N, C-alpha and C. Protein backbone atom coordinates (compact mmCIF):
# COMPACT_ATOMS: atom_id res chain seq x y z
N TYR A 1 0.84 -1.19 0.01
CA TYR A 1 0.02 0.02 -0.01
C TYR A 1 0.87 1.25 -0.01
N CYS A 2 0.27 2.40 -0.28
CA CYS A 2 0.98 3.66 -0.33
C CYS A 2 1.23 4.17 1.08
N THR A 3 2.24 5.00 1.26
CA THR A 3 2.50 5.66 2.52
C THR A 3 1.76 7.00 2.44
N CYS A 4 0.76 7.18 3.28
CA CYS A 4 -0.03 8.41 3.29
C CYS A 4 0.75 9.52 3.99
N LEU A 5 0.41 10.72 3.67
CA LEU A 5 0.99 11.92 4.32
C LEU A 5 0.41 12.08 5.72
N ALA A 6 1.09 12.83 6.52
CA ALA A 6 0.50 13.19 7.81
C ALA A 6 -0.78 13.95 7.55
N GLY A 7 -1.76 13.69 8.36
CA GLY A 7 -3.11 14.29 8.14
C GLY A 7 -4.01 13.38 7.35
N GLN A 8 -3.47 12.26 6.89
CA GLN A 8 -4.23 11.26 6.10
C GLN A 8 -4.09 9.87 6.72
N TYR A 9 -4.94 8.97 6.30
CA TYR A 9 -4.84 7.57 6.77
C TYR A 9 -5.12 6.66 5.54
N TRP A 10 -4.67 5.40 5.65
CA TRP A 10 -4.89 4.42 4.63
C TRP A 10 -6.24 3.74 4.89
N ASP A 11 -7.22 3.92 3.95
CA ASP A 11 -8.53 3.36 4.18
C ASP A 11 -8.72 1.94 3.58
N GLY A 12 -7.61 1.37 3.15
CA GLY A 12 -7.63 0.04 2.55
C GLY A 12 -7.44 0.04 1.07
N SER A 13 -7.76 1.16 0.42
CA SER A 13 -7.53 1.27 -1.01
C SER A 13 -6.91 2.59 -1.44
N THR A 14 -6.97 3.59 -0.58
CA THR A 14 -6.40 4.91 -0.94
C THR A 14 -6.12 5.74 0.33
N CYS A 15 -5.37 6.77 0.17
CA CYS A 15 -5.16 7.68 1.31
C CYS A 15 -6.33 8.66 1.37
N ASP A 16 -6.85 8.88 2.56
CA ASP A 16 -8.01 9.76 2.74
C ASP A 16 -7.71 10.72 3.91
N THR A 17 -8.23 11.94 3.81
CA THR A 17 -8.01 12.93 4.89
C THR A 17 -8.77 12.44 6.14
N CYS A 18 -8.10 12.65 7.35
CA CYS A 18 -8.72 12.27 8.57
C CYS A 18 -10.05 12.96 8.71
N PRO A 19 -11.06 12.24 9.19
CA PRO A 19 -12.39 12.79 9.33
C PRO A 19 -12.42 13.84 10.46
N GLY A 20 -13.53 14.55 10.55
CA GLY A 20 -13.71 15.58 11.58
C GLY A 20 -13.40 15.07 12.96
N GLY A 21 -12.77 15.92 13.75
CA GLY A 21 -12.43 15.56 15.14
C GLY A 21 -11.21 14.70 15.32
N THR A 22 -10.51 14.39 14.21
CA THR A 22 -9.37 13.49 14.32
C THR A 22 -8.13 14.09 13.59
N PHE A 23 -6.97 13.49 13.87
CA PHE A 23 -5.71 13.94 13.25
C PHE A 23 -4.77 12.77 13.07
N ALA A 24 -3.74 12.90 12.25
CA ALA A 24 -2.67 11.92 12.07
C ALA A 24 -1.37 12.70 12.03
N ASP A 25 -0.56 12.62 13.09
CA ASP A 25 0.59 13.45 13.11
C ASP A 25 1.84 12.82 12.42
N GLN A 26 1.71 11.59 12.00
CA GLN A 26 2.84 10.91 11.35
C GLN A 26 2.45 10.41 9.94
N PRO A 27 3.37 10.46 9.00
CA PRO A 27 3.07 9.84 7.69
C PRO A 27 2.94 8.33 7.87
N GLY A 28 2.16 7.70 7.01
CA GLY A 28 1.99 6.28 7.05
C GLY A 28 0.97 5.79 8.05
N SER A 29 0.12 6.67 8.55
CA SER A 29 -0.88 6.27 9.54
C SER A 29 -1.95 5.35 8.95
N LEU A 30 -2.33 4.35 9.66
CA LEU A 30 -3.42 3.48 9.25
C LEU A 30 -4.76 3.92 9.82
N THR A 31 -4.70 4.71 10.91
CA THR A 31 -5.88 5.26 11.55
C THR A 31 -5.57 6.69 11.97
N CYS A 32 -6.64 7.41 12.25
CA CYS A 32 -6.49 8.77 12.79
C CYS A 32 -6.80 8.74 14.26
N LYS A 33 -6.18 9.62 15.03
CA LYS A 33 -6.41 9.71 16.47
C LYS A 33 -7.44 10.77 16.76
N PRO A 34 -8.26 10.59 17.78
CA PRO A 34 -9.24 11.62 18.14
C PRO A 34 -8.54 12.80 18.84
N CYS A 35 -8.96 14.01 18.54
CA CYS A 35 -8.50 15.17 19.27
C CYS A 35 -9.17 15.16 20.63
N PRO A 36 -8.46 15.58 21.67
CA PRO A 36 -9.09 15.56 23.05
C PRO A 36 -10.20 16.57 23.15
N GLY A 37 -10.99 16.43 24.20
CA GLY A 37 -12.10 17.36 24.44
C GLY A 37 -11.54 18.80 24.55
N SER A 38 -12.35 19.72 24.22
CA SER A 38 -11.99 21.16 24.14
C SER A 38 -10.87 21.43 23.16
N SER A 39 -10.81 20.68 22.08
CA SER A 39 -9.85 20.93 20.99
C SER A 39 -10.51 20.54 19.69
N ARG A 40 -9.88 20.93 18.59
CA ARG A 40 -10.36 20.58 17.24
C ARG A 40 -9.14 20.34 16.36
N PRO A 41 -9.33 19.55 15.30
CA PRO A 41 -8.17 19.34 14.43
C PRO A 41 -7.79 20.62 13.70
N ALA A 42 -6.50 20.80 13.49
CA ALA A 42 -6.00 21.91 12.64
C ALA A 42 -6.47 21.61 11.23
N THR A 43 -6.47 22.63 10.34
CA THR A 43 -6.87 22.48 8.99
C THR A 43 -6.05 21.36 8.30
N SER A 44 -4.76 21.29 8.63
CA SER A 44 -3.92 20.27 8.03
C SER A 44 -4.23 18.83 8.48
N ARG A 45 -4.99 18.71 9.59
CA ARG A 45 -5.31 17.43 10.22
C ARG A 45 -4.04 16.72 10.73
N THR A 46 -2.94 17.47 10.98
CA THR A 46 -1.70 16.87 11.44
C THR A 46 -1.52 17.09 12.92
N THR A 47 -2.37 17.92 13.54
CA THR A 47 -2.32 18.17 15.00
C THR A 47 -3.71 18.73 15.40
N CYS A 48 -3.85 18.97 16.72
CA CYS A 48 -5.07 19.54 17.20
C CYS A 48 -4.79 20.96 17.75
N GLN A 49 -5.81 21.76 17.77
CA GLN A 49 -5.69 23.09 18.35
C GLN A 49 -6.66 23.21 19.53
N CYS A 50 -6.14 23.63 20.67
CA CYS A 50 -6.99 23.73 21.88
C CYS A 50 -7.86 24.95 21.80
N SER A 51 -9.10 24.74 22.25
CA SER A 51 -10.09 25.82 22.21
C SER A 51 -9.97 26.77 23.38
N LEU A 52 -9.38 26.31 24.48
CA LEU A 52 -9.30 27.15 25.66
C LEU A 52 -8.08 28.08 25.58
N GLN A 53 -8.28 29.34 25.87
CA GLN A 53 -7.19 30.33 25.83
C GLN A 53 -6.12 29.97 26.81
N GLY A 54 -4.84 30.07 26.36
CA GLY A 54 -3.74 29.77 27.25
C GLY A 54 -3.32 28.28 27.26
N PHE A 55 -3.92 27.47 26.41
CA PHE A 55 -3.59 26.06 26.33
C PHE A 55 -3.02 25.68 24.98
N VAL A 56 -2.08 24.75 24.99
CA VAL A 56 -1.48 24.24 23.72
C VAL A 56 -1.63 22.72 23.66
N PHE A 57 -1.67 22.20 22.42
CA PHE A 57 -1.77 20.76 22.25
C PHE A 57 -0.39 20.14 22.38
N GLU A 58 -0.23 19.22 23.24
CA GLU A 58 1.09 18.54 23.46
C GLU A 58 1.03 17.21 22.73
N ARG A 59 1.84 17.07 21.68
CA ARG A 59 1.78 15.85 20.85
C ARG A 59 2.13 14.59 21.60
N THR A 60 3.09 14.72 22.52
CA THR A 60 3.56 13.43 23.17
C THR A 60 2.45 12.84 24.05
N THR A 61 1.61 13.68 24.65
CA THR A 61 0.57 13.13 25.48
C THR A 61 -0.80 13.20 24.81
N ALA A 62 -0.88 13.87 23.66
CA ALA A 62 -2.13 14.09 22.94
C ALA A 62 -3.18 14.77 23.86
N LYS A 63 -2.75 15.75 24.63
CA LYS A 63 -3.61 16.45 25.54
C LYS A 63 -3.40 17.94 25.42
N CYS A 64 -4.40 18.74 25.83
CA CYS A 64 -4.24 20.20 25.91
C CYS A 64 -3.67 20.50 27.25
N VAL A 65 -2.56 21.25 27.27
CA VAL A 65 -1.90 21.60 28.54
C VAL A 65 -1.81 23.11 28.67
N LYS A 66 -1.92 23.60 29.88
CA LYS A 66 -1.90 25.04 30.11
C LYS A 66 -0.48 25.59 30.10
N CYS A 67 -0.29 26.69 29.45
CA CYS A 67 1.03 27.37 29.47
C CYS A 67 1.25 27.86 30.91
N GLU A 68 2.51 28.03 31.22
CA GLU A 68 2.88 28.53 32.55
C GLU A 68 2.46 29.96 32.65
N HIS A 69 2.34 30.43 33.88
CA HIS A 69 1.94 31.83 34.19
C HIS A 69 2.92 32.78 33.46
N GLY A 70 2.43 33.75 32.77
CA GLY A 70 3.28 34.73 32.06
C GLY A 70 3.63 34.32 30.67
N GLN A 71 3.27 33.15 30.22
CA GLN A 71 3.55 32.72 28.87
C GLN A 71 2.33 32.99 27.96
N VAL A 72 2.60 33.09 26.65
CA VAL A 72 1.55 33.26 25.67
C VAL A 72 1.64 32.13 24.70
N VAL A 73 0.53 31.83 24.07
CA VAL A 73 0.42 30.75 23.08
C VAL A 73 0.78 31.33 21.74
N VAL A 74 1.66 30.65 21.01
CA VAL A 74 2.12 31.06 19.72
C VAL A 74 1.73 30.01 18.69
N GLY A 75 0.93 30.40 17.70
CA GLY A 75 0.55 29.47 16.63
C GLY A 75 -0.24 28.27 17.15
N GLY A 76 -0.81 28.35 18.30
CA GLY A 76 -1.56 27.24 18.85
C GLY A 76 -0.76 26.01 19.22
N GLU A 77 0.60 26.13 19.07
CA GLU A 77 1.45 24.96 19.27
C GLU A 77 2.52 25.06 20.30
N ARG A 78 2.84 26.26 20.75
CA ARG A 78 3.91 26.39 21.75
C ARG A 78 3.68 27.59 22.68
N CYS A 79 4.23 27.51 23.85
CA CYS A 79 4.17 28.60 24.83
C CYS A 79 5.47 29.40 24.78
N VAL A 80 5.41 30.72 24.86
CA VAL A 80 6.55 31.59 24.82
C VAL A 80 6.53 32.51 25.98
N THR A 81 7.67 32.74 26.58
CA THR A 81 7.83 33.75 27.67
C THR A 81 8.61 34.95 27.13
N CYS A 82 8.01 36.11 27.28
CA CYS A 82 8.65 37.38 26.93
C CYS A 82 9.17 37.98 28.22
N GLU A 83 10.29 38.70 28.15
CA GLU A 83 10.87 39.38 29.29
C GLU A 83 9.91 40.50 29.75
N TYR A 84 10.07 40.96 30.99
CA TYR A 84 9.28 42.07 31.52
C TYR A 84 9.39 43.28 30.59
N GLY A 85 8.25 43.86 30.31
CA GLY A 85 8.25 45.04 29.41
C GLY A 85 8.09 44.68 27.97
N TYR A 86 7.95 43.39 27.67
CA TYR A 86 7.83 42.92 26.26
C TYR A 86 6.51 42.16 26.11
N SER A 87 6.02 42.11 24.94
CA SER A 87 4.80 41.37 24.63
C SER A 87 5.05 40.62 23.30
N TYR A 88 4.39 39.49 23.16
CA TYR A 88 4.58 38.70 21.91
C TYR A 88 3.70 39.30 20.83
N TYR A 89 4.28 39.56 19.69
CA TYR A 89 3.55 40.11 18.52
C TYR A 89 4.02 39.44 17.26
N THR A 90 3.15 38.72 16.60
CA THR A 90 3.39 38.03 15.34
C THR A 90 4.57 37.09 15.36
N LYS A 91 5.79 37.58 15.32
CA LYS A 91 6.96 36.67 15.17
C LYS A 91 7.94 36.79 16.28
N GLY A 92 7.63 37.53 17.35
CA GLY A 92 8.60 37.63 18.41
C GLY A 92 8.16 38.56 19.49
N CYS A 93 9.02 38.71 20.55
CA CYS A 93 8.71 39.60 21.66
C CYS A 93 9.11 41.04 21.25
N ILE A 94 8.19 41.98 21.49
CA ILE A 94 8.50 43.36 21.17
C ILE A 94 8.38 44.20 22.42
N CYS A 95 9.16 45.26 22.50
CA CYS A 95 9.21 46.10 23.67
C CYS A 95 7.87 46.92 23.70
N LEU A 96 7.23 46.97 24.85
CA LEU A 96 6.00 47.73 25.02
C LEU A 96 6.29 49.23 25.15
N PRO A 97 5.38 50.08 24.79
CA PRO A 97 5.56 51.49 24.95
C PRO A 97 5.83 51.83 26.41
N GLY A 98 6.81 52.75 26.62
CA GLY A 98 7.21 53.15 27.95
C GLY A 98 8.31 52.33 28.59
N HIS A 99 8.75 51.27 27.85
CA HIS A 99 9.86 50.42 28.32
C HIS A 99 11.01 50.55 27.41
N THR A 100 12.23 50.27 27.90
CA THR A 100 13.39 50.32 27.02
C THR A 100 14.12 48.99 27.05
């Protein structure tokens, strides 16, 4: 059989996109895994995105975990800490007005 891309599974005759509520994070998957409660599959179906603010999807445990205090969620996939006086904006930490 063919090796399907991440986000797809082998249905016995062809590669098919993981159905709603599921994902496949590795190429060659025979089945798709369910996204945990309070999350939904990313458009790519290769991971899940947590619905709750301040939470990220941890692939190793397949669970939504809360970022540590003072961290922000970036791209729905990782937690980032900015130094005091900085805030995360698009691609990095930027200095807030009134700080140097």
